[in-house]
Amino acid sequence: MEHHSILRVVSKLLIPPIILYALYVQWHGDYGPGGGFQAGVVFAVAFILFALVYGVDEMMRILPPRLLHALAGIGVLIYAGTGVVTMLLGENFLGYNVLAHDPRHGQEWGIIVVEFGVGLTVASVMMSIFIAFACHNPPIKDEEW
């Protein structure tokens, strides 16, 4: 798409606000609608737009599939690790009350950490799925009609 300069300029203008909006949804999720899942999808959309305009190979140069798989696993570990920490501190799984001196602050910190793990996992998995579909080239067999 080297000859599509308008698409390149528009995507360069759109990608930063998309990422900024994903961060807003991520950090606003514990106070209102939104959170990790929605933010992860919006964040992935920015990189999928990049891949559609600049090519999947360029996206994989920036975010290799191995890194995406590792980030997805780290996100799951953040989520589950928060639950294990709360259990080790004597509360139920994901019982955030014990994460701070005040139960209200414990709830806030617990939700922020868990939503971050969810967002990281969802964004990584969405980009991995896109790469898997975009790189799949099935053979064309016209003779089988």
C-alpha atoms as a PDB file:
ATOM      1  CA  MET A   1       0.000   0.000   0.000  1.00  0.00           C
ATOM      2  CA  GLU A   2       2.889   2.335  -0.626  1.00  0.00           C
ATOM      3  CA  HIS A   3       0.869   4.332  -3.154  1.00  0.00           C
ATOM      4  CA  HIS A   4      -2.033   4.969  -0.755  1.00  0.00           C
ATOM      5  CA  SER A   5      -0.595   8.011   0.964  1.00  0.00           C
ATOM      6  CA  ILE A   6      -4.014   9.286   2.109  1.00  0.00           C
ATOM      7  CA  LEU A   7      -4.686   6.033   4.002  1.00  0.00           C
ATOM      8  CA  ARG A   8      -1.251   6.229   5.608  1.00  0.00           C
ATOM      9  CA  VAL A   9      -1.753   9.831   6.739  1.00  0.00           C
ATOM     10  CA  VAL A  10      -5.261   9.200   8.043  1.00  0.00           C
ATOM     11  CA  SER A  11      -4.157   6.077   9.908  1.00  0.00           C
ATOM     12  CA  LYS A  12      -1.262   7.986  11.486  1.00  0.00           C
ATOM     13  CA  LEU A  13      -3.812  10.539  12.668  1.00  0.00           C
ATOM     14  CA  LEU A  14      -6.295   7.923  13.940  1.00  0.00           C
ATOM     15  CA  ILE A  15      -4.067   5.392  15.708  1.00  0.00           C
ATOM     16  CA  PRO A  16      -2.903   7.657  18.597  1.00  0.00           C
ATOM     17  CA  PRO A  17      -6.463   8.740  19.559  1.00  0.00           C
ATOM     18  CA  ILE A  18      -7.623   5.114  19.344  1.00  0.00           C
ATOM     19  CA  ILE A  19      -4.879   4.064  21.781  1.00  0.00           C
ATOM     20  CA  LEU A  20      -5.672   7.038  24.019  1.00  0.00           C
ATOM     21  CA  TYR A  21      -9.350   6.059  24.039  1.00  0.00           C
ATOM     22  CA  ALA A  22      -8.401   2.462  24.910  1.00  0.00           C
ATOM     23  CA  LEU A  23      -6.413   3.755  27.881  1.00  0.00           C
ATOM     24  CA  TYR A  24      -9.364   5.913  28.931  1.00  0.00           C
ATOM     25  CA  VAL A  25     -11.727   2.937  28.772  1.00  0.00           C
ATOM     26  CA  GLN A  26      -9.194   0.820  30.688  1.00  0.00           C
ATOM     27  CA  TRP A  27      -8.715   3.221  33.590  1.00  0.00           C
ATOM     28  CA  HIS A  28     -12.296   4.480  33.656  1.00  0.00           C
ATOM     29  CA  GLY A  29     -13.670   0.942  33.790  1.00  0.00           C
ATOM     30  CA  ASP A  30     -13.669   0.730  37.572  1.00  0.00           C
ATOM     31  CA  TYR A  31     -15.840   3.864  37.857  1.00  0.00           C
ATOM     32  CA  GLY A  32     -18.247   3.422  34.955  1.00  0.00           C
ATOM     33  CA  PRO A  33     -18.925   1.346  31.844  1.00  0.00           C
ATOM     34  CA  GLY A  34     -15.844  -0.136  30.293  1.00  0.00           C
ATOM     35  CA  GLY A  35     -12.908  -2.038  31.597  1.00  0.00           C
ATOM     36  CA  GLY A  36     -10.348  -4.550  30.525  1.00  0.00           C
ATOM     37  CA  PHE A  37     -12.253  -6.430  27.847  1.00  0.00           C
ATOM     38  CA  GLN A  38     -13.499  -3.352  26.012  1.00  0.00           C
ATOM     39  CA  ALA A  39     -10.154  -1.580  26.331  1.00  0.00           C
ATOM     40  CA  GLY A  40      -8.300  -4.628  25.061  1.00  0.00           C
ATOM     41  CA  VAL A  41     -10.457  -4.805  21.944  1.00  0.00           C
ATOM     42  CA  VAL A  42     -10.098  -1.076  21.235  1.00  0.00           C
ATOM     43  CA  PHE A  43      -6.329  -1.274  21.764  1.00  0.00           C
ATOM     44  CA  ALA A  44      -6.107  -4.225  19.375  1.00  0.00           C
ATOM     45  CA  VAL A  45      -8.132  -2.283  16.788  1.00  0.00           C
ATOM     46  CA  ALA A  46      -5.374   0.351  16.632  1.00  0.00           C
ATOM     47  CA  PHE A  47      -2.779  -2.262  15.714  1.00  0.00           C
ATOM     48  CA  ILE A  48      -5.132  -4.071  13.345  1.00  0.00           C
ATOM     49  CA  LEU A  49      -5.698  -0.771  11.524  1.00  0.00           C
ATOM     50  CA  PHE A  50      -1.921  -0.384  11.370  1.00  0.00           C
ATOM     51  CA  ALA A  51      -1.629  -3.880   9.884  1.00  0.00           C
ATOM     52  CA  LEU A  52      -4.356  -3.218   7.311  1.00  0.00           C
ATOM     53  CA  VAL A  53      -2.619  -0.059   6.099  1.00  0.00           C
ATOM     54  CA  TYR A  54       1.070  -0.975   6.443  1.00  0.00           C
ATOM     55  CA  GLY A  55       0.890  -4.752   6.161  1.00  0.00           C
ATOM     56  CA  VAL A  56       0.767  -7.675   8.547  1.00  0.00           C
ATOM     57  CA  ASP A  57       4.513  -8.226   8.219  1.00  0.00           C
ATOM     58  CA  GLU A  58       5.174  -4.710   9.496  1.00  0.00           C
ATOM     59  CA  MET A  59       2.862  -5.324  12.446  1.00  0.00           C
ATOM     60  CA  MET A  60       4.619  -8.600  13.210  1.00  0.00           C
ATOM     61  CA  ARG A  61       7.945  -6.756  13.140  1.00  0.00           C
ATOM     62  CA  ILE A  62       6.650  -4.432  15.882  1.00  0.00           C
ATOM     63  CA  LEU A  63       4.689  -7.080  17.817  1.00  0.00           C
ATOM     64  CA  PRO A  64       5.994 -10.570  17.047  1.00  0.00           C
ATOM     65  CA  PRO A  65       3.493 -13.385  17.609  1.00  0.00           C
ATOM     66  CA  ARG A  66       5.728 -14.888  20.325  1.00  0.00           C
ATOM     67  CA  LEU A  67       5.549 -11.602  22.247  1.00  0.00           C
ATOM     68  CA  LEU A  68       1.760 -11.503  21.861  1.00  0.00           C
ATOM     69  CA  HIS A  69       1.463 -15.066  23.173  1.00  0.00           C
ATOM     70  CA  ALA A  70       3.698 -14.212  26.133  1.00  0.00           C
ATOM     71  CA  LEU A  71       1.674 -11.064  26.899  1.00  0.00           C
ATOM     72  CA  ALA A  72      -1.560 -13.060  26.800  1.00  0.00           C
ATOM     73  CA  GLY A  73      -0.124 -15.493  29.321  1.00  0.00           C
ATOM     74  CA  ILE A  74       1.161 -12.666  31.520  1.00  0.00           C
ATOM     75  CA  GLY A  75      -2.296 -11.093  31.516  1.00  0.00           C
ATOM     76  CA  VAL A  76      -3.872 -14.352  32.677  1.00  0.00           C
ATOM     77  CA  LEU A  77      -1.207 -14.670  35.370  1.00  0.00           C
ATOM     78  CA  ILE A  78      -1.923 -11.130  36.571  1.00  0.00           C
ATOM     79  CA  TYR A  79      -5.612 -11.955  36.856  1.00  0.00           C
ATOM     80  CA  ALA A  80      -5.141 -15.320  38.538  1.00  0.00           C
ATOM     81  CA  GLY A  81      -2.204 -14.085  40.610  1.00  0.00           C
ATOM     82  CA  THR A  82      -4.364 -11.387  42.138  1.00  0.00           C
ATOM     83  CA  GLY A  83      -6.835 -14.036  43.203  1.00  0.00           C
ATOM     84  CA  VAL A  84      -4.091 -16.239  44.639  1.00  0.00           C
ATOM     85  CA  VAL A  85      -2.638 -13.301  46.585  1.00  0.00           C
ATOM     86  CA  THR A  86      -6.034 -12.551  48.107  1.00  0.00           C
ATOM     87  CA  MET A  87      -6.388 -16.219  49.089  1.00  0.00           C
ATOM     88  CA  LEU A  88      -2.931 -16.220  50.683  1.00  0.00           C
ATOM     89  CA  LEU A  89      -3.956 -13.136  52.667  1.00  0.00           C
ATOM     90  CA  GLY A  90      -6.954 -15.021  54.084  1.00  0.00           C
ATOM     91  CA  GLU A  91      -9.791 -13.835  51.827  1.00  0.00           C
ATOM     92  CA  ASN A  92     -11.752 -15.601  49.094  1.00  0.00           C
ATOM     93  CA  PHE A  93     -10.439 -15.783  45.542  1.00  0.00           C
ATOM     94  CA  LEU A  94     -10.471 -12.180  44.245  1.00  0.00           C
ATOM     95  CA  GLY A  95     -11.653 -10.892  47.635  1.00  0.00           C
ATOM     96  CA  TYR A  96      -9.994  -7.533  47.154  1.00  0.00           C
ATOM     97  CA  ASN A  97     -10.706  -6.214  50.677  1.00  0.00           C
ATOM     98  CA  VAL A  98      -7.356  -7.460  52.004  1.00  0.00           C
ATOM     99  CA  LEU A  99      -5.229  -5.726  49.352  1.00  0.00           C
ATOM    100  CA  ALA A 100      -5.075  -2.428  51.268  1.00  0.00           C
ATOM    101  CA  HIS A 101      -5.492  -1.097  54.786  1.00  0.00           C
ATOM    102  CA  ASP A 102      -9.044  -0.004  53.956  1.00  0.00           C
ATOM    103  CA  PRO A 103     -11.491  -2.414  52.225  1.00  0.00           C
ATOM    104  CA  ARG A 104     -12.582   0.348  49.831  1.00  0.00           C
ATOM    105  CA  HIS A 105      -9.015   0.968  48.682  1.00  0.00           C
ATOM    106  CA  GLY A 106      -8.470  -2.779  48.444  1.00  0.00           C
ATOM    107  CA  GLN A 107     -11.459  -3.023  46.095  1.00  0.00           C
ATOM    108  CA  GLU A 108     -10.095  -0.180  43.951  1.00  0.00           C
ATOM    109  CA  TRP A 109      -6.604  -1.668  43.694  1.00  0.00           C
ATOM    110  CA  GLY A 110      -7.895  -5.161  43.053  1.00  0.00           C
ATOM    111  CA  ILE A 111     -10.198  -4.081  40.241  1.00  0.00           C
ATOM    112  CA  ILE A 112      -7.476  -1.976  38.601  1.00  0.00           C
ATOM    113  CA  VAL A 113      -4.984  -4.859  38.629  1.00  0.00           C
ATOM    114  CA  VAL A 114      -7.483  -7.463  37.430  1.00  0.00           C
ATOM    115  CA  GLU A 115      -8.824  -5.227  34.660  1.00  0.00           C
ATOM    116  CA  PHE A 116      -5.259  -4.541  33.514  1.00  0.00           C
ATOM    117  CA  GLY A 117      -4.649  -8.295  33.244  1.00  0.00           C
ATOM    118  CA  VAL A 118      -7.889  -8.779  31.326  1.00  0.00           C
ATOM    119  CA  GLY A 119      -7.076  -5.907  28.955  1.00  0.00           C
ATOM    120  CA  LEU A 120      -3.584  -7.211  28.287  1.00  0.00           C
ATOM    121  CA  THR A 121      -4.892 -10.708  27.560  1.00  0.00           C
ATOM    122  CA  VAL A 122      -7.767  -9.593  25.338  1.00  0.00           C
ATOM    123  CA  ALA A 123      -5.605  -7.213  23.282  1.00  0.00           C
ATOM    124  CA  SER A 124      -2.914  -9.844  22.781  1.00  0.00           C
ATOM    125  CA  VAL A 125      -5.373 -12.580  21.838  1.00  0.00           C
ATOM    126  CA  MET A 126      -7.297 -10.326  19.424  1.00  0.00           C
ATOM    127  CA  MET A 127      -4.081  -9.353  17.632  1.00  0.00           C
ATOM    128  CA  SER A 128      -2.927 -12.997  17.583  1.00  0.00           C
ATOM    129  CA  ILE A 129      -6.226 -14.085  16.040  1.00  0.00           C
ATOM    130  CA  PHE A 130      -5.969 -11.347  13.414  1.00  0.00           C
ATOM    131  CA  ILE A 131      -2.425 -12.391  12.532  1.00  0.00           C
ATOM    132  CA  ALA A 132      -3.468 -16.043  12.323  1.00  0.00           C
ATOM    133  CA  PHE A 133      -6.294 -15.246   9.908  1.00  0.00           C
ATOM    134  CA  ALA A 134      -4.344 -12.662   7.904  1.00  0.00           C
ATOM    135  CA  CYS A 135      -1.334 -14.938   7.381  1.00  0.00           C
ATOM    136  CA  HIS A 136      -3.343 -18.023   6.436  1.00  0.00           C
ATOM    137  CA  ASN A 137      -3.137 -18.606   2.697  1.00  0.00           C
ATOM    138  CA  PRO A 138      -5.243 -21.620   1.763  1.00  0.00           C
ATOM    139  CA  PRO A 139      -4.467 -23.127  -1.620  1.00  0.00           C
ATOM    140  CA  ILE A 140      -6.888 -22.213  -4.412  1.00  0.00           C
ATOM    141  CA  LYS A 141      -8.151 -25.297  -6.218  1.00  0.00           C
ATOM    142  CA  ASP A 142     -10.329 -24.236  -9.134  1.00  0.00           C
ATOM    143  CA  GLU A 143     -10.300 -27.679 -10.693  1.00  0.00           C
ATOM    144  CA  GLU A 144     -12.427 -29.242  -7.931  1.00  0.00           C
ATOM    145  CA  TRP A 145     -15.711 -27.615  -9.008  1.00  0.00           C
END
